[in-house]
C-alpha cells in the first residue's frame, strides 16, 4: 500500500478589531444582564438573551484554525473554531486539480482576470507563503488559497509531479 498521510494546522492571524469586538460584546452582555436583574426591564432581558446567543454562535468563529489532511489523493480542509468545534469545509479530489502554484505565480493571472473568487483557507499572514490550488469541481473552476507545509507539498508532488508549480 502506497498511501501517504500528512496533517497540517494553520492558525488564522488574530485581527485586533475582532479582539475589541469581543470585549465590547462581553461588556454589553454583562451590562444588559445586570440591568435586567436589577431593574427587571423586559427589553434588557431580550437584549441579554440575544447577546448570549451571539456569544455562543458567532464569537467562537472569530478564533479560527484550518486543518489540512492529505490522504490517498485527497485533501480535506476542516475549520476549527475556538479550538472546540470542527466543521468540514471541503474535500478536494486531487485528480480534479489543474495545478497548485504559489500565489505570486503568473500562471494564475488568467484565472484572476476571469474574476474567479478565491476561497481563502489560510492564516491571512502576509509574510507566510501561500499556494493557490486551481480545482475543477462540481461548481466549475475554483481557486482555493491554502498554506501547505513542505510535507504536504512533497506528498502532492510525489503523486502529481506535473501539477505542482514551484515558481
Protein backbone atom coordinates (compact mmCIF):
# COMPACT_ATOMS: atom_id res chain seq x y z
CA UNK A 1 0.00 0.00 0.00
CA UNK A 2 1.42 3.36 -1.02
CA UNK A 3 -0.85 5.75 0.85
CA UNK A 4 0.57 8.91 2.37
CA UNK A 5 -0.91 10.79 5.29
CA UNK A 6 0.01 14.37 6.17
CA UNK A 7 -1.67 16.68 8.63
CA UNK A 8 -1.11 20.44 8.69
CA UNK A 9 -2.63 23.00 11.08
CA UNK A 10 -2.75 26.70 10.20
CA UNK A 11 -3.98 29.26 12.73
CA UNK A 12 -5.62 32.38 11.36
CA UNK A 13 -3.80 35.53 12.39
CA UNK A 14 -5.77 37.35 15.13
CA UNK A 15 -7.40 40.56 13.98
CA UNK A 16 -7.17 43.42 16.54
CA UNK A 17 -10.64 44.61 15.52
CA UNK A 18 -12.06 41.19 16.43
CA UNK A 19 -10.49 41.39 19.90
CA UNK A 20 -12.08 44.80 20.52
CA UNK A 21 -15.39 43.47 19.21
CA UNK A 22 -15.24 40.50 21.60
CA UNK A 23 -14.60 42.79 24.58
CA UNK A 24 -17.48 45.06 23.59
CA UNK A 25 -19.88 42.14 23.18
CA UNK A 26 -18.92 40.65 26.56
CA UNK A 27 -19.23 44.06 28.27
CA UNK A 28 -22.62 44.76 26.67
CA UNK A 29 -23.82 41.31 27.73
CA UNK A 30 -22.71 41.85 31.33
CA UNK A 31 -24.32 45.30 31.47
CA UNK A 32 -27.60 44.07 30.00
CA UNK A 33 -27.75 41.12 32.40
CA UNK A 34 -27.06 43.39 35.39
CA UNK A 35 -29.71 45.90 34.25
CA UNK A 36 -32.21 43.10 33.66
CA UNK A 37 -31.63 41.67 37.15
CA UNK A 38 -31.59 45.00 39.00
CA UNK A 39 -34.37 46.83 37.23
CA UNK A 40 -36.39 43.94 35.80
CA UNK A 41 -36.52 45.54 32.38
CA UNK A 42 -38.15 43.18 29.88
CA UNK A 43 -36.30 44.83 26.99
CA UNK A 44 -32.94 44.21 28.65
CA UNK A 45 -33.80 40.53 29.16
CA UNK A 46 -34.37 40.21 25.42
CA UNK A 47 -31.13 42.07 24.66
CA UNK A 48 -29.22 39.88 27.12
CA UNK A 49 -30.60 36.69 25.57
CA UNK A 50 -29.70 37.97 22.10
CA UNK A 51 -26.14 38.82 23.18
CA UNK A 52 -25.68 35.45 24.89
CA UNK A 53 -26.77 33.72 21.67
CA UNK A 54 -24.33 35.92 19.75
CA UNK A 55 -21.53 34.89 22.10
CA UNK A 56 -22.43 31.23 21.77
CA UNK A 57 -22.80 31.05 17.99
CA UNK A 58 -20.73 33.87 16.46
CA UNK A 59 -17.82 34.75 18.79
CA UNK A 60 -16.17 31.28 18.52
CA UNK A 61 -15.87 31.77 14.76
CA UNK A 62 -13.51 34.71 15.36
CA UNK A 63 -10.77 32.33 16.59
CA UNK A 64 -10.11 30.13 13.55
CA UNK A 65 -7.69 27.41 12.60
CA UNK A 66 -7.63 25.38 9.43
CA UNK A 67 -6.53 21.77 9.29
CA UNK A 68 -5.42 20.23 6.02
CA UNK A 69 -5.41 16.43 5.84
CA UNK A 70 -3.83 14.71 2.86
CA UNK A 71 -4.76 11.06 2.43
CA UNK A 72 -4.93 8.95 -0.71
CA UNK A 73 -5.05 11.71 -3.35
CA UNK A 74 -7.48 13.84 -1.34
CA UNK A 75 -7.07 16.97 0.72
CA UNK A 76 -9.77 17.61 3.27
CA UNK A 77 -9.95 21.05 4.82
CA UNK A 78 -11.54 21.45 8.25
CA UNK A 79 -12.31 24.68 10.05
CA UNK A 80 -11.63 24.54 13.80
CA UNK A 81 -13.43 27.29 15.71
CA UNK A 82 -12.18 28.35 19.14
CA UNK A 83 -10.25 25.04 19.44
CA UNK A 84 -13.58 23.34 20.24
CA UNK A 85 -15.84 22.99 17.23
CA UNK A 86 -14.78 21.36 13.98
CA UNK A 87 -16.52 21.75 10.66
CA UNK A 88 -15.59 20.11 7.37
CA UNK A 89 -15.20 22.89 4.80
CA UNK A 90 -14.39 20.86 1.70
CA UNK A 91 -12.84 17.67 0.38
CA UNK A 92 -10.68 18.11 -2.71
CA UNK A 93 -10.09 15.17 -5.01
CA UNK A 94 -6.67 15.94 -6.45
CA UNK A 95 -7.50 14.10 -9.67
CA UNK A 96 -9.72 17.11 -10.45
CA UNK A 97 -6.96 19.61 -9.65
CA UNK A 98 -5.41 21.51 -12.59
CA UNK A 99 -2.35 22.61 -10.64
CA UNK A 100 -1.12 24.16 -7.41
CA UNK A 101 1.19 27.17 -7.50
CA UNK A 102 2.46 29.93 -5.19
CA UNK A 103 0.09 32.88 -5.04
CA UNK A 104 2.62 35.08 -6.87
CA UNK A 105 2.83 32.73 -9.86
CA UNK A 106 1.97 34.22 -13.25
CA UNK A 107 0.14 31.04 -14.23
CA UNK A 108 -2.74 32.24 -12.05
CA UNK A 109 -3.14 35.54 -13.94
CA UNK A 110 -5.59 34.11 -16.47
CA UNK A 111 -7.81 32.81 -13.66
CA UNK A 112 -7.68 36.10 -11.77
CA UNK A 113 -8.57 38.07 -14.92
CA UNK A 114 -11.73 35.96 -15.29
CA UNK A 115 -12.85 37.20 -11.90
CA UNK A 116 -12.94 33.83 -10.17
CA UNK A 117 -13.33 34.35 -6.44
CA UNK A 118 -10.59 32.87 -4.25
CA UNK A 119 -11.70 30.78 -1.27
CA UNK A 120 -9.20 31.63 1.45
CA UNK A 121 -8.37 28.89 3.97
CA UNK A 122 -5.08 30.43 5.10
CA UNK A 123 -3.80 32.41 8.06
CA UNK A 124 -4.02 35.71 6.14
CA UNK A 125 -0.50 36.49 7.30
CA UNK A 126 1.24 38.43 4.51
CA UNK A 127 4.67 37.07 5.47
CA UNK A 128 3.75 33.41 5.01
CA UNK A 129 4.00 31.78 1.58
CA UNK A 130 0.57 30.73 0.35
CA UNK A 131 -0.39 28.48 -2.55
CA UNK A 132 -3.40 28.65 -4.83
CA UNK A 133 -4.99 25.38 -5.85
CA UNK A 134 -6.87 25.50 -9.17
CA UNK A 135 -9.68 22.99 -8.82
CA UNK A 136 -12.34 21.85 -11.28
CA UNK A 137 -15.15 20.68 -9.04
CA UNK A 138 -18.90 20.41 -9.32
CA UNK A 139 -19.27 24.20 -9.21
CA UNK A 140 -16.82 24.81 -12.04
CA UNK A 141 -13.31 26.21 -11.67
CA UNK A 142 -12.44 27.26 -8.13
CA UNK A 143 -9.34 28.94 -6.71
CA UNK A 144 -8.51 27.75 -3.20
CA UNK A 145 -5.85 29.50 -1.12
CA UNK A 146 -4.03 27.27 1.37
CA UNK A 147 -0.77 27.29 3.35
CA UNK A 148 0.64 23.81 2.89
CA UNK A 149 3.76 22.78 4.73
CA UNK A 150 6.67 21.12 2.96
CA UNK A 151 5.50 17.59 3.73
CA UNK A 152 2.07 18.20 2.21
CA UNK A 153 3.56 19.69 -0.95
CA UNK A 154 6.01 16.81 -1.17
CA UNK A 155 3.20 14.23 -0.98
CA UNK A 156 1.20 16.00 -3.67
CA UNK A 157 4.32 16.32 -5.83
CA UNK A 158 5.11 12.61 -5.45
CA UNK A 159 1.68 11.66 -6.78
CA UNK A 160 1.15 14.54 -9.27
CA UNK A 161 4.60 15.84 -10.22
CA UNK A 162 3.39 17.89 -13.19
CA UNK A 163 0.65 19.64 -11.24
CA UNK A 164 2.89 21.22 -8.59
CA UNK A 165 4.44 24.53 -9.68
CA UNK A 166 7.30 25.83 -7.58
CA UNK A 167 7.84 29.26 -9.12
